Every structure is written in structure tokens, then in C-alpha cells.
Amino acid sequence: FDRANLLDPGAEQALTSKLAKLEEATSDQLVLVTLPNLGGEKIEK
């Protein structure tokens, strides 16, 4: 979920493929999120 537009399309596609393979192999779900900012909130929240 590249909301900050930090990833080029090739990197995003490679990451998406790698994450899908991980989920298929283990059932673990890993999600990568980029945000332009946190809107004044703490990153933990």
C-alpha cells in the first residue's frame, strides 16, 4: 500500500509477488505500507 508513492512500479510488483509467495507458503500475511505523513499521530498508533 504505497500511499506515499515511494516505490517504482517494478519494485512494487516484485514486493507484491514476494509477499504473495510468503503467504501461500506459511499463511503469514506481511503488508508493506508507505504514508506521506502520520497526520500528527504517533507511528505506533
All heavy atoms as atom14 arrays in JSON, in Angstrom:
{
  "sequence": "FDRANLLDPGAEQALTSKLAKLEEATSDQLVLVTLPNLGGEKIEK",
  "atom14_mask": [
    [1, 1, 1, 1, 1, 1, 1, 1, 1, 1, 1, 0, 0, 0],
    [1, 1, 1, 1, 1, 1, 1, 1, 0, 0, 0, 0, 0, 0],
    [1, 1, 1, 1, 1, 1, 1, 1, 1, 1, 1, 0, 0, 0],
    [1, 1, 1, 1, 1, 0, 0, 0, 0, 0, 0, 0, 0, 0],
    [1, 1, 1, 1, 1, 1, 1, 1, 0, 0, 0, 0, 0, 0],
    [1, 1, 1, 1, 1, 1, 1, 1, 0, 0, 0, 0, 0, 0],
    [1, 1, 1, 1, 1, 1, 1, 1, 0, 0, 0, 0, 0, 0],
    [1, 1, 1, 1, 1, 1, 1, 1, 0, 0, 0, 0, 0, 0],
    [1, 1, 1, 1, 1, 1, 1, 0, 0, 0, 0, 0, 0, 0],
    [1, 1, 1, 1, 0, 0, 0, 0, 0, 0, 0, 0, 0, 0],
    [1, 1, 1, 1, 1, 0, 0, 0, 0, 0, 0, 0, 0, 0],
    [1, 1, 1, 1, 1, 1, 1, 1, 1, 0, 0, 0, 0, 0],
    [1, 1, 1, 1, 1, 1, 1, 1, 1, 0, 0, 0, 0, 0],
    [1, 1, 1, 1, 1, 0, 0, 0, 0, 0, 0, 0, 0, 0],
    [1, 1, 1, 1, 1, 1, 1, 1, 0, 0, 0, 0, 0, 0],
    [1, 1, 1, 1, 1, 1, 1, 0, 0, 0, 0, 0, 0, 0],
    [1, 1, 1, 1, 1, 1, 0, 0, 0, 0, 0, 0, 0, 0],
    [1, 1, 1, 1, 1, 1, 1, 1, 1, 0, 0, 0, 0, 0],
    [1, 1, 1, 1, 1, 1, 1, 1, 0, 0, 0, 0, 0, 0],
    [1, 1, 1, 1, 1, 0, 0, 0, 0, 0, 0, 0, 0, 0],
    [1, 1, 1, 1, 1, 1, 1, 1, 1, 0, 0, 0, 0, 0],
    [1, 1, 1, 1, 1, 1, 1, 1, 0, 0, 0, 0, 0, 0],
    [1, 1, 1, 1, 1, 1, 1, 1, 1, 0, 0, 0, 0, 0],
    [1, 1, 1, 1, 1, 1, 1, 1, 1, 0, 0, 0, 0, 0],
    [1, 1, 1, 1, 1, 0, 0, 0, 0, 0, 0, 0, 0, 0],
    [1, 1, 1, 1, 1, 1, 1, 0, 0, 0, 0, 0, 0, 0],
    [1, 1, 1, 1, 1, 1, 0, 0, 0, 0, 0, 0, 0, 0],
    [1, 1, 1, 1, 1, 1, 1, 1, 0, 0, 0, 0, 0, 0],
    [1, 1, 1, 1, 1, 1, 1, 1, 1, 0, 0, 0, 0, 0],
    [1, 1, 1, 1, 1, 1, 1, 1, 0, 0, 0, 0, 0, 0],
    [1, 1, 1, 1, 1, 1, 1, 0, 0, 0, 0, 0, 0, 0],
    [1, 1, 1, 1, 1, 1, 1, 1, 0, 0, 0, 0, 0, 0],
    [1, 1, 1, 1, 1, 1, 1, 0, 0, 0, 0, 0, 0, 0],
    [1, 1, 1, 1, 1, 1, 1, 0, 0, 0, 0, 0, 0, 0],
    [1, 1, 1, 1, 1, 1, 1, 1, 0, 0, 0, 0, 0, 0],
    [1, 1, 1, 1, 1, 1, 1, 0, 0, 0, 0, 0, 0, 0],
    [1, 1, 1, 1, 1, 1, 1, 1, 0, 0, 0, 0, 0, 0],
    [1, 1, 1, 1, 1, 1, 1, 1, 0, 0, 0, 0, 0, 0],
    [1, 1, 1, 1, 0, 0, 0, 0, 0, 0, 0, 0, 0, 0],
    [1, 1, 1, 1, 0, 0, 0, 0, 0, 0, 0, 0, 0, 0],
    [1, 1, 1, 1, 1, 1, 1, 1, 1, 0, 0, 0, 0, 0],
    [1, 1, 1, 1, 1, 1, 1, 1, 1, 0, 0, 0, 0, 0],
    [1, 1, 1, 1, 1, 1, 1, 1, 0, 0, 0, 0, 0, 0],
    [1, 1, 1, 1, 1, 1, 1, 1, 1, 0, 0, 0, 0, 0],
    [1, 1, 1, 1, 1, 1, 1, 1, 1, 0, 0, 0, 0, 0]
  ],
  "atom14_positions": [
    [[0.87, -1.18, 0.0], [0.0, 0.0, 0.0], [0.91, 1.23, 0.0], [1.27, 1.76, 1.04], [-0.89, -0.05, 1.25], [-1.99, 0.97, 1.27], [-3.09, 0.84, 0.45], [-1.94, 2.04, 2.15], [-4.13, 1.77, 0.49], [-2.97, 2.97, 2.19], [-4.06, 2.84, 1.36], [0.0, 0.0, 0.0], [0.0, 0.0, 0.0], [0.0, 0.0, 0.0]],
    [[1.33, 1.65, -1.19], [2.31, 2.72, -1.35], [1.62, 4.07, -1.48], [1.61, 4.69, -2.52], [3.19, 2.43, -2.58], [4.31, 3.44, -2.75], [4.68, 4.11, -1.77], [4.82, 3.55, -3.88], [0.0, 0.0, 0.0], [0.0, 0.0, 0.0], [0.0, 0.0, 0.0], [0.0, 0.0, 0.0], [0.0, 0.0, 0.0], [0.0, 0.0, 0.0]],
    [[1.06, 4.54, -0.4], [0.33, 5.81, -0.37], [1.25, 7.01, -0.59], [0.83, 8.04, -1.07], [-0.39, 5.91, 0.98], [-1.28, 7.05, 1.12], [-2.69, 6.67, 0.71], [-3.57, 7.71, 1.16], [-4.0, 8.68, 0.38], [-3.7, 8.71, -0.88], [-4.77, 9.62, 0.86], [0.0, 0.0, 0.0], [0.0, 0.0, 0.0], [0.0, 0.0, 0.0]],
    [[2.54, 6.88, -0.23], [3.49, 7.99, -0.38], [4.16, 7.99, -1.76], [4.97, 8.86, -2.03], [4.55, 7.92, 0.71], [0.0, 0.0, 0.0], [0.0, 0.0, 0.0], [0.0, 0.0, 0.0], [0.0, 0.0, 0.0], [0.0, 0.0, 0.0], [0.0, 0.0, 0.0], [0.0, 0.0, 0.0], [0.0, 0.0, 0.0], [0.0, 0.0, 0.0]],
    [[3.83, 7.01, -2.59], [4.43, 6.9, -3.92], [5.95, 6.87, -3.87], [6.63, 7.58, -4.62], [3.94, 8.02, -4.84], [2.46, 7.92, -5.1], [1.93, 6.84, -5.36], [1.77, 9.04, -4.98], [0.0, 0.0, 0.0], [0.0, 0.0, 0.0], [0.0, 0.0, 0.0], [0.0, 0.0, 0.0], [0.0, 0.0, 0.0], [0.0, 0.0, 0.0]],
    [[6.49, 6.05, -3.0], [7.94, 5.93, -2.84], [8.52, 4.81, -3.69], [9.73, 4.77, -3.89], [8.28, 5.66, -1.37], [7.89, 6.75, -0.38], [8.2, 6.3, 1.05], [8.59, 8.05, -0.7], [0.0, 0.0, 0.0], [0.0, 0.0, 0.0], [0.0, 0.0, 0.0], [0.0, 0.0, 0.0], [0.0, 0.0, 0.0], [0.0, 0.0, 0.0]],
    [[7.68, 3.9, -4.16], [8.16, 2.72, -4.87], [7.89, 2.85, -6.36], [6.81, 3.26, -6.76], [7.46, 1.46, -4.35], [7.6, 1.2, -2.84], [6.68, 0.07, -2.42], [9.05, 0.88, -2.49], [0.0, 0.0, 0.0], [0.0, 0.0, 0.0], [0.0, 0.0, 0.0], [0.0, 0.0, 0.0], [0.0, 0.0, 0.0], [0.0, 0.0, 0.0]],
    [[8.88, 2.44, -7.16], [8.62, 2.41, -8.59], [7.77, 1.18, -8.89], [7.71, 0.24, -8.09], [9.92, 2.43, -9.41], [10.78, 1.21, -9.19], [10.34, 0.09, -9.53], [11.91, 1.37, -8.68], [0.0, 0.0, 0.0], [0.0, 0.0, 0.0], [0.0, 0.0, 0.0], [0.0, 0.0, 0.0], [0.0, 0.0, 0.0], [0.0, 0.0, 0.0]],
    [[7.07, 1.15, -10.03], [6.17, 0.03, -10.32], [6.86, -1.34, -10.3], [6.26, -2.31, -9.85], [5.64, 0.36, -11.72], [5.76, 1.84, -11.83], [6.98, 2.22, -11.04], [0.0, 0.0, 0.0], [0.0, 0.0, 0.0], [0.0, 0.0, 0.0], [0.0, 0.0, 0.0], [0.0, 0.0, 0.0], [0.0, 0.0, 0.0], [0.0, 0.0, 0.0]],
    [[8.1, -1.42, -10.75], [8.82, -2.69, -10.74], [9.06, -3.19, -9.33], [8.89, -4.38, -9.04], [0.0, 0.0, 0.0], [0.0, 0.0, 0.0], [0.0, 0.0, 0.0], [0.0, 0.0, 0.0], [0.0, 0.0, 0.0], [0.0, 0.0, 0.0], [0.0, 0.0, 0.0], [0.0, 0.0, 0.0], [0.0, 0.0, 0.0], [0.0, 0.0, 0.0]],
    [[9.46, -2.29, -8.43], [9.69, -2.67, -7.03], [8.39, -3.09, -6.37], [8.35, -4.08, -5.64], [10.32, -1.5, -6.27], [0.0, 0.0, 0.0], [0.0, 0.0, 0.0], [0.0, 0.0, 0.0], [0.0, 0.0, 0.0], [0.0, 0.0, 0.0], [0.0, 0.0, 0.0], [0.0, 0.0, 0.0], [0.0, 0.0, 0.0], [0.0, 0.0, 0.0]],
    [[7.33, -2.35, -6.64], [6.03, -2.68, -6.06], [5.55, -4.06, -6.52], [5.07, -4.87, -5.73], [5.0, -1.62, -6.4], [3.69, -1.8, -5.66], [2.76, -0.62, -5.81], [3.18, 0.47, -6.22], [1.56, -0.82, -5.49], [0.0, 0.0, 0.0], [0.0, 0.0, 0.0], [0.0, 0.0, 0.0], [0.0, 0.0, 0.0], [0.0, 0.0, 0.0]],
    [[5.74, -4.35, -7.79], [5.33, -5.64, -8.33], [6.17, -6.77, -7.74], [5.64, -7.82, -7.36], [5.45, -5.64, -9.85], [4.96, -6.91, -10.5], [5.04, -6.84, -12.02], [5.7, -5.98, -12.59], [4.36, -7.76, -12.66], [0.0, 0.0, 0.0], [0.0, 0.0, 0.0], [0.0, 0.0, 0.0], [0.0, 0.0, 0.0], [0.0, 0.0, 0.0]],
    [[7.48, -6.57, -7.63], [8.37, -7.59, -7.05], [8.01, -7.85, -5.59], [7.98, -9.01, -5.14], [9.83, -7.17, -7.19], [0.0, 0.0, 0.0], [0.0, 0.0, 0.0], [0.0, 0.0, 0.0], [0.0, 0.0, 0.0], [0.0, 0.0, 0.0], [0.0, 0.0, 0.0], [0.0, 0.0, 0.0], [0.0, 0.0, 0.0], [0.0, 0.0, 0.0]],
    [[7.75, -6.8, -4.83], [7.38, -6.95, -3.43], [6.04, -7.67, -3.3], [5.89, -8.57, -2.47], [7.3, -5.58, -2.75], [8.65, -4.92, -2.46], [8.47, -3.42, -2.23], [9.31, -5.59, -1.26], [0.0, 0.0, 0.0], [0.0, 0.0, 0.0], [0.0, 0.0, 0.0], [0.0, 0.0, 0.0], [0.0, 0.0, 0.0], [0.0, 0.0, 0.0]],
    [[5.07, -7.3, -4.11], [3.76, -7.93, -4.07], [3.88, -9.43, -4.35], [3.27, -10.25, -3.66], [2.81, -7.27, -5.08], [2.65, -5.89, -4.72], [1.45, -7.94, -5.11], [0.0, 0.0, 0.0], [0.0, 0.0, 0.0], [0.0, 0.0, 0.0], [0.0, 0.0, 0.0], [0.0, 0.0, 0.0], [0.0, 0.0, 0.0], [0.0, 0.0, 0.0]],
    [[4.68, -9.79, -5.33], [4.88, -11.2, -5.68], [5.54, -11.96, -4.52], [5.12, -13.05, -4.16], [5.74, -11.3, -6.94], [6.04, -12.64, -7.23], [0.0, 0.0, 0.0], [0.0, 0.0, 0.0], [0.0, 0.0, 0.0], [0.0, 0.0, 0.0], [0.0, 0.0, 0.0], [0.0, 0.0, 0.0], [0.0, 0.0, 0.0], [0.0, 0.0, 0.0]],
    [[6.57, -11.37, -3.94], [7.28, -12.0, -2.82], [6.34, -12.19, -1.63], [6.35, -13.25, -0.98], [8.47, -11.12, -2.44], [9.28, -11.61, -1.28], [10.46, -12.36, -1.76], [11.35, -12.73, -0.61], [12.38, -13.63, -1.01], [0.0, 0.0, 0.0], [0.0, 0.0, 0.0], [0.0, 0.0, 0.0], [0.0, 0.0, 0.0], [0.0, 0.0, 0.0]],
    [[5.53, -11.2, -1.34], [4.6, -11.28, -0.21], [3.51, -12.33, -0.44], [3.11, -13.04, 0.48], [3.99, -9.92, 0.08], [5.0, -8.85, 0.53], [4.32, -7.49, 0.63], [5.67, -9.23, 1.82], [0.0, 0.0, 0.0], [0.0, 0.0, 0.0], [0.0, 0.0, 0.0], [0.0, 0.0, 0.0], [0.0, 0.0, 0.0], [0.0, 0.0, 0.0]],
    [[3.06, -12.45, -1.68], [2.05, -13.47, -2.01], [2.64, -14.87, -1.83], [1.97, -15.76, -1.3], [1.56, -13.28, -3.44], [0.0, 0.0, 0.0], [0.0, 0.0, 0.0], [0.0, 0.0, 0.0], [0.0, 0.0, 0.0], [0.0, 0.0, 0.0], [0.0, 0.0, 0.0], [0.0, 0.0, 0.0], [0.0, 0.0, 0.0], [0.0, 0.0, 0.0]],
    [[3.87, -15.06, -2.25], [4.53, -16.37, -2.11], [4.74, -16.72, -0.64], [4.57, -17.87, -0.24], [5.85, -16.38, -2.86], [5.67, -16.4, -4.36], [6.99, -16.31, -5.09], [6.74, -16.24, -6.59], [7.96, -15.95, -7.34], [0.0, 0.0, 0.0], [0.0, 0.0, 0.0], [0.0, 0.0, 0.0], [0.0, 0.0, 0.0], [0.0, 0.0, 0.0]],
    [[5.09, -15.73, 0.17], [5.26, -15.97, 1.61], [3.93, -16.4, 2.22], [3.88, -17.38, 2.97], [5.75, -14.7, 2.31], [5.75, -14.74, 3.84], [6.73, -15.77, 4.36], [6.03, -13.37, 4.41], [0.0, 0.0, 0.0], [0.0, 0.0, 0.0], [0.0, 0.0, 0.0], [0.0, 0.0, 0.0], [0.0, 0.0, 0.0], [0.0, 0.0, 0.0]],
    [[2.87, -15.69, 1.89], [1.56, -16.03, 2.45], [1.11, -17.42, 2.01], [0.57, -18.19, 2.81], [0.53, -14.98, 2.04], [-0.8, -15.17, 2.73], [-1.77, -14.03, 2.46], [-1.36, -12.98, 1.94], [-2.96, -14.22, 2.78], [0.0, 0.0, 0.0], [0.0, 0.0, 0.0], [0.0, 0.0, 0.0], [0.0, 0.0, 0.0], [0.0, 0.0, 0.0]],
    [[1.36, -17.75, 0.76], [0.99, -19.07, 0.25], [1.78, -20.18, 0.96], [1.22, -21.23, 1.29], [1.27, -19.13, -1.26], [0.82, -20.42, -1.91], [1.08, -20.4, -3.41], [0.66, -19.44, -4.07], [1.7, -21.37, -3.89], [0.0, 0.0, 0.0], [0.0, 0.0, 0.0], [0.0, 0.0, 0.0], [0.0, 0.0, 0.0], [0.0, 0.0, 0.0]],
    [[3.04, -19.93, 1.23], [3.9, -20.95, 1.85], [3.67, -21.11, 3.35], [3.8, -22.21, 3.88], [5.37, -20.63, 1.59], [0.0, 0.0, 0.0], [0.0, 0.0, 0.0], [0.0, 0.0, 0.0], [0.0, 0.0, 0.0], [0.0, 0.0, 0.0], [0.0, 0.0, 0.0], [0.0, 0.0, 0.0], [0.0, 0.0, 0.0], [0.0, 0.0, 0.0]],
    [[3.34, -20.02, 4.05], [3.28, -20.08, 5.51], [1.94, -19.7, 6.12], [1.73, -19.92, 7.3], [4.31, -19.1, 6.12], [3.93, -17.76, 5.79], [5.72, -19.39, 5.64], [0.0, 0.0, 0.0], [0.0, 0.0, 0.0], [0.0, 0.0, 0.0], [0.0, 0.0, 0.0], [0.0, 0.0, 0.0], [0.0, 0.0, 0.0], [0.0, 0.0, 0.0]],
    [[1.08, -19.07, 5.38], [-0.17, -18.45, 5.81], [0.06, -17.14, 6.54], [-0.89, -16.44, 6.87], [-1.06, -19.39, 6.64], [-0.71, -19.38, 8.01], [0.0, 0.0, 0.0], [0.0, 0.0, 0.0], [0.0, 0.0, 0.0], [0.0, 0.0, 0.0], [0.0, 0.0, 0.0], [0.0, 0.0, 0.0], [0.0, 0.0, 0.0], [0.0, 0.0, 0.0]],
    [[1.31, -16.77, 6.8], [1.61, -15.48, 7.43], [1.36, -14.38, 6.41], [1.68, -14.52, 5.24], [3.08, -15.41, 7.87], [3.41, -16.48, 8.9], [2.52, -16.88, 9.66], [4.59, -16.89, 8.95], [0.0, 0.0, 0.0], [0.0, 0.0, 0.0], [0.0, 0.0, 0.0], [0.0, 0.0, 0.0], [0.0, 0.0, 0.0], [0.0, 0.0, 0.0]],
    [[0.77, -13.29, 6.86], [0.49, -12.19, 5.96], [1.36, -10.99, 6.35], [1.28, -10.48, 7.46], [-0.98, -11.8, 6.01], [-1.36, -10.8, 4.94], [-2.85, -10.5, 4.94], [-3.48, -10.41, 5.99], [-3.41, -10.33, 3.77], [0.0, 0.0, 0.0], [0.0, 0.0, 0.0], [0.0, 0.0, 0.0], [0.0, 0.0, 0.0], [0.0, 0.0, 0.0]],
    [[2.18, -10.56, 5.41], [3.06, -9.41, 5.59], [2.6, -8.33, 4.64], [2.41, -8.59, 3.44], [4.5, -9.83, 5.29], [5.59, -8.76, 5.31], [5.65, -8.03, 6.64], [6.94, -9.41, 5.02], [0.0, 0.0, 0.0], [0.0, 0.0, 0.0], [0.0, 0.0, 0.0], [0.0, 0.0, 0.0], [0.0, 0.0, 0.0], [0.0, 0.0, 0.0]],
    [[2.4, -7.13, 5.16], [1.93, -5.99, 4.37], [2.9, -4.84, 4.54], [3.34, -4.55, 5.66], [0.5, -5.57, 4.8], [0.06, -4.31, 4.09], [-0.49, -6.7, 4.56], [0.0, 0.0, 0.0], [0.0, 0.0, 0.0], [0.0, 0.0, 0.0], [0.0, 0.0, 0.0], [0.0, 0.0, 0.0], [0.0, 0.0, 0.0], [0.0, 0.0, 0.0]],
    [[3.24, -4.2, 3.43], [4.12, -3.03, 3.44], [3.28, -1.79, 3.14], [2.53, -1.77, 2.16], [5.21, -3.17, 2.38], [6.07, -1.93, 2.16], [6.99, -1.7, 3.36], [6.88, -2.06, 0.89], [0.0, 0.0, 0.0], [0.0, 0.0, 0.0], [0.0, 0.0, 0.0], [0.0, 0.0, 0.0], [0.0, 0.0, 0.0], [0.0, 0.0, 0.0]],
    [[3.4, -0.78, 4.0], [2.64, 0.46, 3.84], [3.61, 1.64, 3.86], [4.48, 1.72, 4.73], [1.61, 0.64, 4.99], [0.86, 1.95, 4.86], [0.65, -0.53, 5.04], [0.0, 0.0, 0.0], [0.0, 0.0, 0.0], [0.0, 0.0, 0.0], [0.0, 0.0, 0.0], [0.0, 0.0, 0.0], [0.0, 0.0, 0.0], [0.0, 0.0, 0.0]],
    [[3.46, 2.54, 2.89], [4.17, 3.81, 2.95], [3.11, 4.91, 3.03], [2.09, 4.84, 2.36], [5.07, 4.06, 1.72], [4.27, 4.31, 0.57], [6.01, 2.9, 1.48], [0.0, 0.0, 0.0], [0.0, 0.0, 0.0], [0.0, 0.0, 0.0], [0.0, 0.0, 0.0], [0.0, 0.0, 0.0], [0.0, 0.0, 0.0], [0.0, 0.0, 0.0]],
    [[3.36, 5.88, 3.89], [2.46, 7.01, 4.04], [3.25, 8.3, 3.87], [4.4, 8.37, 4.31], [1.8, 7.01, 5.42], [0.89, 5.82, 5.76], [0.41, 5.92, 7.2], [-0.28, 5.75, 4.81], [0.0, 0.0, 0.0], [0.0, 0.0, 0.0], [0.0, 0.0, 0.0], [0.0, 0.0, 0.0], [0.0, 0.0, 0.0], [0.0, 0.0, 0.0]],
    [[2.64, 9.33, 3.27], [3.37, 10.59, 3.14], [3.65, 11.22, 4.5], [4.68, 11.87, 4.69], [2.43, 11.47, 2.31], [1.12, 10.79, 2.27], [1.33, 9.36, 2.65], [0.0, 0.0, 0.0], [0.0, 0.0, 0.0], [0.0, 0.0, 0.0], [0.0, 0.0, 0.0], [0.0, 0.0, 0.0], [0.0, 0.0, 0.0], [0.0, 0.0, 0.0]],
    [[2.76, 11.01, 5.47], [2.95, 11.51, 6.83], [2.0, 10.79, 7.76], [1.14, 10.03, 7.31], [2.75, 13.03, 6.89], [1.35, 13.42, 6.5], [0.41, 13.12, 7.21], [1.21, 14.09, 5.35], [0.0, 0.0, 0.0], [0.0, 0.0, 0.0], [0.0, 0.0, 0.0], [0.0, 0.0, 0.0], [0.0, 0.0, 0.0], [0.0, 0.0, 0.0]],
    [[2.16, 11.05, 9.03], [1.34, 10.37, 10.04], [0.19, 11.23, 10.53], [-0.53, 10.83, 11.44], [2.22, 9.96, 11.23], [3.33, 8.97, 10.9], [4.28, 8.82, 12.08], [2.75, 7.63, 10.49], [0.0, 0.0, 0.0], [0.0, 0.0, 0.0], [0.0, 0.0, 0.0], [0.0, 0.0, 0.0], [0.0, 0.0, 0.0], [0.0, 0.0, 0.0]],
    [[-0.01, 12.4, 9.94], [-1.12, 13.26, 10.33], [-1.1, 13.66, 11.79], [-2.14, 13.81, 12.41], [0.0, 0.0, 0.0], [0.0, 0.0, 0.0], [0.0, 0.0, 0.0], [0.0, 0.0, 0.0], [0.0, 0.0, 0.0], [0.0, 0.0, 0.0], [0.0, 0.0, 0.0], [0.0, 0.0, 0.0], [0.0, 0.0, 0.0], [0.0, 0.0, 0.0]],
    [[0.1, 13.81, 12.36], [0.22, 14.24, 13.75], [0.1, 13.11, 14.76], [0.21, 13.35, 15.96], [0.0, 0.0, 0.0], [0.0, 0.0, 0.0], [0.0, 0.0, 0.0], [0.0, 0.0, 0.0], [0.0, 0.0, 0.0], [0.0, 0.0, 0.0], [0.0, 0.0, 0.0], [0.0, 0.0, 0.0], [0.0, 0.0, 0.0], [0.0, 0.0, 0.0]],
    [[-0.13, 11.9, 14.31], [-0.26, 10.75, 15.22], [1.1, 10.1, 15.45], [2.02, 10.25, 14.65], [-1.21, 9.72, 14.62], [-2.62, 10.2, 14.42], [-3.41, 10.35, 15.71], [-2.98, 9.82, 16.75], [-4.45, 11.01, 15.68], [0.0, 0.0, 0.0], [0.0, 0.0, 0.0], [0.0, 0.0, 0.0], [0.0, 0.0, 0.0], [0.0, 0.0, 0.0]],
    [[1.21, 9.31, 16.49], [2.42, 8.53, 16.75], [2.42, 7.33, 15.8], [1.37, 6.76, 15.51], [2.46, 8.06, 18.2], [2.65, 9.19, 19.19], [2.82, 8.62, 20.59], [3.03, 9.73, 21.58], [4.38, 10.19, 21.63], [0.0, 0.0, 0.0], [0.0, 0.0, 0.0], [0.0, 0.0, 0.0], [0.0, 0.0, 0.0], [0.0, 0.0, 0.0]],
    [[3.6, 6.94, 15.36], [3.71, 5.85, 14.4], [3.17, 4.54, 14.98], [2.57, 3.75, 14.26], [5.16, 5.69, 13.87], [5.15, 4.8, 12.62], [6.1, 5.2, 14.97], [6.45, 4.84, 11.83], [0.0, 0.0, 0.0], [0.0, 0.0, 0.0], [0.0, 0.0, 0.0], [0.0, 0.0, 0.0], [0.0, 0.0, 0.0], [0.0, 0.0, 0.0]],
    [[3.34, 4.34, 16.28], [2.82, 3.12, 16.91], [1.31, 3.04, 16.77], [0.75, 1.99, 16.47], [3.19, 3.07, 18.4], [4.65, 3.02, 18.68], [5.28, 4.4, 18.89], [4.71, 5.42, 18.43], [6.35, 4.44, 19.5], [0.0, 0.0, 0.0], [0.0, 0.0, 0.0], [0.0, 0.0, 0.0], [0.0, 0.0, 0.0], [0.0, 0.0, 0.0]],
    [[0.65, 4.17, 16.99], [-0.81, 4.21, 16.91], [-1.29, 3.97, 15.48], [-2.25, 3.23, 15.26], [-1.32, 5.56, 17.42], [-2.83, 5.7, 17.39], [-3.29, 7.02, 17.93], [-4.81, 7.12, 17.87], [-5.29, 8.42, 18.35], [0.0, 0.0, 0.0], [0.0, 0.0, 0.0], [0.0, 0.0, 0.0], [0.0, 0.0, 0.0], [0.0, 0.0, 0.0]]
  ]
}
